Amino acid sequence: MKLMNLFNSEHKISLMLILVSTALMMFNLLKFSYYLKKFRQLIFIVSNKIFILLYCYWGLIVFFIFNYWLVAYLVYKGIFLSSFILIGVIFLADAVFVLMDIYLYHRIFTSLELEHNSSVEQTQQLIDTEDVTIFALAYQAELHDQDTGKHIERTCKYVELLAVELAKKPEYKRYLTTEYIHDLVKSAPLHDIGKVGVPDSILKKSGKLTPEEFEEIKKHCEDGANVLKAAVNRLKFQSFLDIGVQLALSHHEKWDGSGYPYGLKGQTIPISGRIMALADVYDALTSKRCYKNVLSHEAAKEYILSECNKQFDPEVVDAFLHAEDEFLGVLQSKYFQT
């Protein structure tokens, strides 16, 4: 009955505020229990002192809940002076609580931002390490063939130019996505990795190869693909190395079916291999090799046009013509010079 009289008295609003405040404090208690569980390791990275602050924060919540109900009891008993003093203390503590609340939020979000930036940096470092490793493997194969790393970089650029140009065509737009082109360019240096298994006496021969020697050099396609397949089989996800396998196997296939190792014809040749074939030949023609002299851009272009519908996919040849100025720019760039 006394409780009912109390709720009917002038203190009804005060008691309702106390109930609401208690509920809010309980919510804060649960909220920061969740934050501590979810971000414990993350917050510790920023500062282990923040845990002391969290425990103080919880202590304040318990203090508030206890004192809210102590005020309610004092009001119920009619001890108003003590309740007013206690309310003053609560107000002061509440100011501290708000400042701590703001500080903790700042710390948590700072921690999340630092963790995100650290993850991005680590991911980029892994990507850079991966790229350098690919380049080193490819460069080893090219050194074996008395070539330089600039061939690798030029060929990658030619592949990118052709792929971007082909992607403008409706029939290739859905397949040659930005992600695919990125993976294609990334795997392009690996197309001749199988050359490490070809004897130097064949790779460095300045004269014409015998039929037996040519059969030996043709093996580099399957050898390179097998090396990359061994790596792919150790992965539990799809990677750019799948395109690398395609490139290693198909970059010597020809549009008319006269290429090797399988004599694939037309669109049975993967688009990656068709792109690589033209890029590789263009760079071979415009670079000095032990078995040939350098050809000009115009001479290389004339050869490519003569092999349209024979060695090269006509769509890829058309992409080459549209990107001709860019090809010439790469060829003449001092950065890409041998």
Protein backbone atom coordinates (compact mmCIF):
# COMPACT_ATOMS: atom_id res chain seq x y z
CA MET A 1 0.00 0.00 0.00
CA LYS A 2 2.84 2.38 0.84
CA LEU A 3 4.38 1.67 -2.55
CA MET A 4 1.08 2.45 -4.29
CA ASN A 5 0.80 5.68 -2.31
CA LEU A 6 4.32 6.56 -3.31
CA PHE A 7 3.55 6.11 -7.01
CA ASN A 8 0.52 8.33 -6.57
CA SER A 9 2.58 11.04 -4.88
CA GLU A 10 4.47 13.99 -6.34
CA HIS A 11 7.59 11.79 -6.54
CA LYS A 12 6.15 9.63 -9.33
CA ILE A 13 8.14 11.41 -12.08
CA SER A 14 11.39 11.14 -10.12
CA LEU A 15 10.93 7.41 -9.63
CA MET A 16 10.10 6.90 -13.31
CA LEU A 17 13.30 8.75 -14.27
CA ILE A 18 15.24 6.50 -11.91
CA LEU A 19 13.77 3.41 -13.59
CA VAL A 20 14.61 4.73 -17.05
CA SER A 21 18.14 5.69 -15.95
CA THR A 22 18.65 2.24 -14.48
CA ALA A 23 17.53 0.64 -17.75
CA LEU A 24 19.96 2.84 -19.72
CA MET A 25 22.80 1.94 -17.39
CA MET A 26 22.03 -1.76 -17.80
CA PHE A 27 22.07 -1.25 -21.55
CA ASN A 28 25.50 0.43 -21.32
CA LEU A 29 26.76 -2.43 -19.18
CA LEU A 30 25.69 -4.99 -21.78
CA LYS A 31 27.00 -2.82 -24.62
CA PHE A 32 30.51 -2.53 -23.27
CA SER A 33 30.58 -6.18 -22.23
CA TYR A 34 29.95 -6.92 -25.91
CA TYR A 35 32.65 -4.45 -27.03
CA LEU A 36 35.20 -5.93 -24.66
CA LYS A 37 34.48 -9.46 -25.90
CA LYS A 38 34.50 -8.49 -29.60
CA PHE A 39 37.40 -6.02 -29.63
CA ARG A 40 39.50 -7.26 -26.70
CA GLN A 41 42.56 -8.13 -28.80
CA LEU A 42 42.12 -5.09 -30.99
CA ILE A 43 41.85 -2.62 -28.11
CA PHE A 44 44.87 -4.20 -26.42
CA ILE A 45 46.95 -3.36 -29.52
CA VAL A 46 46.24 0.34 -28.99
CA SER A 47 46.71 0.42 -25.20
CA ASN A 48 46.34 -2.14 -22.43
CA LYS A 49 45.54 0.75 -20.07
CA ILE A 50 42.15 1.03 -21.71
CA PHE A 51 41.07 -2.12 -19.84
CA ILE A 52 41.54 -0.31 -16.54
CA LEU A 53 39.30 2.42 -17.92
CA LEU A 54 36.70 -0.16 -18.94
CA TYR A 55 36.62 -1.64 -15.46
CA CYS A 56 36.25 1.86 -13.99
CA TYR A 57 33.44 2.41 -16.47
CA TRP A 58 31.65 -0.69 -15.26
CA GLY A 59 32.25 0.38 -11.67
CA LEU A 60 30.54 3.70 -12.41
CA ILE A 61 27.57 1.91 -13.93
CA VAL A 62 27.17 -0.21 -10.79
CA PHE A 63 27.62 2.97 -8.70
CA PHE A 64 24.84 4.73 -10.66
CA ILE A 65 22.43 1.80 -10.42
CA PHE A 66 23.03 1.46 -6.68
CA ASN A 67 22.66 5.17 -6.00
CA TYR A 68 19.56 5.60 -8.18
CA TRP A 69 17.80 3.06 -6.04
CA LEU A 70 19.30 4.53 -2.87
CA VAL A 71 17.79 7.90 -3.87
CA ALA A 72 14.46 6.16 -4.47
CA TYR A 73 14.66 4.60 -1.00
CA LEU A 74 15.53 7.93 0.66
CA VAL A 75 12.66 9.66 -1.14
CA TYR A 76 10.37 6.83 -0.09
CA LYS A 77 11.48 7.31 3.53
CA GLY A 78 11.09 11.09 3.25
CA ILE A 79 14.80 11.83 3.86
CA PHE A 80 14.94 14.57 1.23
CA LEU A 81 18.18 16.36 2.28
CA SER A 82 20.28 13.23 1.95
CA SER A 83 18.60 12.36 -1.34
CA PHE A 84 19.35 15.83 -2.78
CA ILE A 85 23.02 15.57 -1.72
CA LEU A 86 23.22 12.12 -3.27
CA ILE A 87 21.63 13.37 -6.48
CA GLY A 88 24.32 16.08 -6.64
CA VAL A 89 27.02 13.44 -6.31
CA ILE A 90 25.34 11.42 -9.05
CA PHE A 91 25.31 14.43 -11.37
CA LEU A 92 29.05 14.95 -10.88
CA ALA A 93 29.75 11.26 -11.45
CA ASP A 94 27.48 11.38 -14.51
CA ALA A 95 29.67 14.09 -16.05
CA VAL A 96 32.71 11.86 -15.57
CA PHE A 97 30.75 8.96 -17.03
CA VAL A 98 29.88 10.91 -20.20
CA LEU A 99 33.52 11.88 -20.72
CA MET A 100 34.59 8.27 -20.28
CA ASP A 101 31.88 7.15 -22.69
CA ILE A 102 33.15 9.53 -25.36
CA TYR A 103 36.76 8.51 -24.74
CA LEU A 104 35.99 4.80 -24.96
CA TYR A 105 34.08 5.22 -28.22
CA HIS A 106 37.02 7.20 -29.59
CA ARG A 107 39.46 4.48 -28.52
CA ILE A 108 37.42 1.67 -30.03
CA PHE A 109 36.97 3.37 -33.38
CA THR A 110 40.62 4.43 -33.40
CA SER A 111 41.53 0.80 -32.79
CA LEU A 112 39.30 -0.35 -35.65
CA GLU A 113 40.82 2.23 -37.98
CA LEU A 114 44.36 1.22 -37.04
CA GLU A 115 43.53 -2.45 -37.51
CA HIS A 116 41.97 -1.74 -40.90
CA ASN A 117 44.97 0.29 -42.05
CA SER A 118 47.32 -2.42 -40.79
CA SER A 119 45.36 -5.11 -42.65
CA VAL A 120 45.40 -3.07 -45.87
CA GLU A 121 49.14 -2.51 -45.53
CA GLN A 122 49.82 -6.19 -44.86
CA THR A 123 47.63 -7.22 -47.80
CA GLN A 124 49.49 -4.82 -50.10
CA GLN A 125 52.82 -6.17 -48.84
CA LEU A 126 51.71 -9.71 -49.65
CA ILE A 127 50.60 -8.64 -53.13
CA ASP A 128 53.89 -6.83 -53.74
CA THR A 129 55.85 -9.87 -52.53
CA GLU A 130 53.77 -12.09 -54.80
CA ASP A 131 54.42 -9.82 -57.80
CA VAL A 132 58.16 -9.71 -57.14
CA THR A 133 58.26 -13.51 -56.78
CA ILE A 134 56.45 -13.94 -60.10
CA PHE A 135 58.83 -11.52 -61.77
CA ALA A 136 61.86 -13.32 -60.33
CA LEU A 137 60.64 -16.71 -61.60
CA ALA A 138 59.89 -15.31 -65.04
CA TYR A 139 63.16 -13.40 -65.14
CA GLN A 140 65.04 -16.62 -64.42
CA ALA A 141 63.47 -18.20 -67.50
CA GLU A 142 64.27 -15.15 -69.63
CA LEU A 143 67.90 -15.04 -68.45
CA HIS A 144 68.15 -18.67 -69.50
CA ASP A 145 67.18 -17.45 -72.96
CA GLN A 146 69.71 -14.56 -72.93
CA ASP A 147 66.97 -11.95 -72.59
CA THR A 148 66.27 -9.26 -69.98
CA GLY A 149 63.52 -8.31 -67.57
CA LYS A 150 62.35 -5.49 -69.81
CA HIS A 151 60.94 -8.09 -72.21
CA ILE A 152 58.72 -9.27 -69.38
CA GLU A 153 57.52 -5.76 -68.58
CA ARG A 154 56.93 -4.83 -72.21
CA THR A 155 55.00 -8.03 -72.89
CA CYS A 156 52.82 -7.48 -69.82
CA LYS A 157 52.02 -3.98 -71.05
CA TYR A 158 51.17 -5.25 -74.56
CA VAL A 159 48.88 -7.89 -73.04
CA GLU A 160 47.12 -5.24 -70.98
CA LEU A 161 46.66 -2.95 -74.01
CA LEU A 162 45.15 -5.75 -76.09
CA ALA A 163 42.87 -6.98 -73.28
CA VAL A 164 41.57 -3.48 -72.51
CA GLU A 165 40.87 -2.87 -76.21
CA LEU A 166 39.11 -6.22 -76.63
CA ALA A 167 37.01 -5.55 -73.52
CA LYS A 168 35.36 -2.69 -75.41
CA LYS A 169 33.78 -5.19 -77.78
CA PRO A 170 30.31 -6.42 -76.67
CA GLU A 171 31.20 -10.09 -77.11
CA TYR A 172 34.17 -9.80 -74.73
CA LYS A 173 32.91 -7.21 -72.26
CA ARG A 174 31.40 -9.70 -69.80
CA TYR A 175 34.42 -12.00 -69.87
CA LEU A 176 37.29 -9.51 -69.94
CA THR A 177 36.40 -7.82 -66.68
CA THR A 178 38.75 -5.53 -64.77
CA GLU A 179 39.53 -8.39 -62.37
CA TYR A 180 40.25 -10.82 -65.21
CA ILE A 181 42.54 -8.35 -66.99
CA HIS A 182 44.40 -7.73 -63.73
CA ASP A 183 44.96 -11.47 -63.28
CA LEU A 184 45.89 -11.88 -66.94
CA VAL A 185 48.56 -9.19 -66.75
CA LYS A 186 49.80 -10.58 -63.44
CA SER A 187 50.22 -14.08 -64.88
CA ALA A 188 51.64 -12.97 -68.25
CA PRO A 189 55.30 -13.12 -67.06
CA LEU A 190 54.89 -16.84 -66.41
CA HIS A 191 54.04 -17.80 -70.00
CA ASP A 192 57.61 -19.00 -70.78
CA ILE A 193 58.53 -20.37 -67.37
CA GLY A 194 58.92 -23.82 -68.94
CA LYS A 195 62.04 -22.61 -70.75
CA VAL A 196 64.10 -23.36 -67.64
CA GLY A 197 63.93 -27.00 -68.71
CA VAL A 198 65.22 -26.38 -72.26
CA PRO A 199 68.97 -26.95 -72.77
CA ASP A 200 71.10 -23.84 -73.29
CA SER A 201 72.53 -25.34 -76.47
CA ILE A 202 69.07 -25.00 -78.03
CA LEU A 203 67.90 -21.72 -76.49
CA LYS A 204 71.16 -19.93 -77.28
CA LYS A 205 71.66 -21.38 -80.74
CA SER A 206 72.08 -18.60 -83.29
CA GLY A 207 71.36 -20.76 -86.33
CA LYS A 208 68.27 -22.62 -87.44
CA LEU A 209 66.97 -25.36 -85.14
CA THR A 210 66.93 -28.95 -86.31
CA PRO A 211 63.57 -30.77 -86.24
CA GLU A 212 64.72 -32.62 -83.12
CA GLU A 213 65.74 -29.39 -81.42
CA PHE A 214 62.44 -27.77 -82.31
CA GLU A 215 60.55 -30.71 -80.80
CA GLU A 216 62.60 -30.24 -77.65
CA ILE A 217 61.84 -26.54 -77.38
CA LYS A 218 58.12 -27.18 -77.92
CA LYS A 219 58.08 -29.06 -74.63
CA HIS A 220 58.42 -25.81 -72.69
CA CYS A 221 54.68 -25.17 -72.99
CA GLU A 222 53.63 -28.33 -71.20
CA ASP A 223 56.57 -28.18 -68.80
CA GLY A 224 55.62 -24.65 -67.76
CA ALA A 225 51.96 -25.58 -67.40
CA ASN A 226 52.88 -28.58 -65.22
CA VAL A 227 54.97 -26.38 -62.92
CA LEU A 228 52.07 -23.97 -62.48
CA LYS A 229 49.52 -26.79 -62.08
CA ALA A 230 51.59 -28.17 -59.22
CA ALA A 231 51.26 -24.78 -57.52
CA VAL A 232 47.52 -24.52 -58.32
CA ASN A 233 46.87 -27.96 -56.82
CA ARG A 234 48.24 -26.78 -53.49
CA LEU A 235 45.73 -23.94 -53.35
CA LYS A 236 42.19 -24.33 -52.06
CA PHE A 237 40.88 -21.38 -54.05
CA GLN A 238 40.93 -20.08 -57.60
CA SER A 239 43.84 -17.77 -58.36
CA PHE A 240 45.51 -15.95 -61.23
CA LEU A 241 47.72 -19.03 -61.65
CA ASP A 242 44.82 -20.72 -63.48
CA ILE A 243 45.27 -18.13 -66.22
CA GLY A 244 49.02 -18.72 -66.02
CA VAL A 245 48.43 -22.39 -66.87
CA GLN A 246 46.37 -21.33 -69.90
CA LEU A 247 49.08 -18.94 -71.06
CA ALA A 248 51.87 -21.47 -70.69
CA LEU A 249 49.94 -24.07 -72.69
CA SER A 250 48.37 -21.94 -75.40
CA HIS A 251 50.60 -18.99 -76.27
CA HIS A 252 52.11 -20.93 -79.20
CA GLU A 253 48.76 -22.16 -80.54
CA LYS A 254 47.70 -20.59 -83.86
CA TRP A 255 44.32 -19.45 -85.09
CA ASP A 256 44.45 -21.83 -88.09
CA GLY A 257 45.34 -24.85 -85.93
CA SER A 258 48.97 -25.13 -87.02
CA GLY A 259 50.45 -24.24 -83.62
CA TYR A 260 51.62 -26.36 -80.70
CA PRO A 261 51.45 -28.24 -78.36
CA TYR A 262 47.87 -29.41 -79.15
CA GLY A 263 47.09 -27.81 -82.51
CA LEU A 264 44.08 -25.95 -81.12
CA LYS A 265 42.13 -23.91 -83.66
CA GLY A 266 40.05 -20.71 -83.56
CA GLN A 267 38.10 -20.03 -80.41
CA THR A 268 39.08 -23.35 -78.88
CA ILE A 269 42.26 -21.47 -77.98
CA PRO A 270 41.68 -19.58 -74.73
CA ILE A 271 41.38 -15.82 -75.22
CA SER A 272 44.31 -15.39 -72.82
CA GLY A 273 46.51 -17.47 -75.14
CA ARG A 274 45.36 -15.57 -78.24
CA ILE A 275 46.23 -12.27 -76.60
CA MET A 276 49.57 -13.53 -75.34
CA ALA A 277 50.49 -14.93 -78.76
CA LEU A 278 50.32 -11.55 -80.48
CA ALA A 279 51.94 -9.65 -77.60
CA ASP A 280 54.81 -12.13 -77.41
CA VAL A 281 55.43 -12.16 -81.17
CA TYR A 282 55.32 -8.37 -81.44
CA ASP A 283 57.93 -8.02 -78.70
CA ALA A 284 60.07 -10.80 -80.21
CA LEU A 285 60.00 -9.07 -83.60
CA THR A 286 60.89 -5.63 -82.20
CA SER A 287 63.64 -6.92 -79.86
CA LYS A 288 67.11 -8.24 -80.58
CA ARG A 289 67.49 -11.99 -80.16
CA CYS A 290 70.45 -14.29 -80.67
CA TYR A 291 68.84 -15.68 -83.81
CA LYS A 292 67.49 -12.42 -85.37
CA ASN A 293 67.89 -8.67 -85.69
CA VAL A 294 65.46 -6.00 -84.51
CA LEU A 295 62.48 -5.17 -86.75
CA SER A 296 60.81 -1.77 -86.80
CA HIS A 297 57.27 -1.25 -85.56
CA GLU A 298 56.05 -0.96 -89.16
CA ALA A 299 57.75 -4.22 -90.16
CA ALA A 300 56.29 -6.00 -87.12
CA LYS A 301 52.86 -4.59 -87.91
CA GLU A 302 53.14 -5.79 -91.51
CA TYR A 303 54.00 -9.29 -90.31
CA ILE A 304 51.08 -9.36 -87.86
CA LEU A 305 48.66 -8.24 -90.57
CA SER A 306 50.00 -10.93 -92.93
CA GLU A 307 49.35 -13.55 -90.24
CA CYS A 308 45.80 -12.39 -89.47
CA ASN A 309 43.42 -15.38 -89.68
CA LYS A 310 46.45 -17.67 -89.78
CA GLN A 311 48.64 -17.28 -86.72
CA PHE A 312 46.54 -14.63 -85.00
CA ASP A 313 42.90 -14.17 -84.06
CA PRO A 314 41.50 -11.40 -86.33
CA GLU A 315 39.75 -9.81 -83.32
CA VAL A 316 43.07 -9.56 -81.48
CA VAL A 317 44.72 -8.13 -84.60
CA ASP A 318 41.95 -5.53 -84.75
CA ALA A 319 42.58 -4.67 -81.08
CA PHE A 320 46.27 -4.29 -81.91
CA LEU A 321 45.47 -1.83 -84.70
CA HIS A 322 43.27 0.22 -82.37
CA ALA A 323 46.02 0.27 -79.73
CA GLU A 324 48.86 0.77 -82.22
CA ASP A 325 49.88 4.18 -80.90
CA GLU A 326 50.10 2.80 -77.36
CA PHE A 327 52.21 -0.16 -78.59
CA LEU A 328 54.58 2.25 -80.31
CA GLY A 329 54.71 4.38 -77.15
CA VAL A 330 55.80 1.36 -75.08
CA LEU A 331 58.36 0.36 -77.71
CA GLN A 332 59.90 3.84 -77.77
CA SER A 333 59.72 4.45 -74.02
CA LYS A 334 63.12 4.65 -72.35
CA TYR A 335 61.71 2.84 -69.31
CA PHE A 336 61.00 -0.25 -71.40
CA GLN A 337 64.30 -0.21 -73.27
CA THR A 338 66.57 -3.22 -72.88
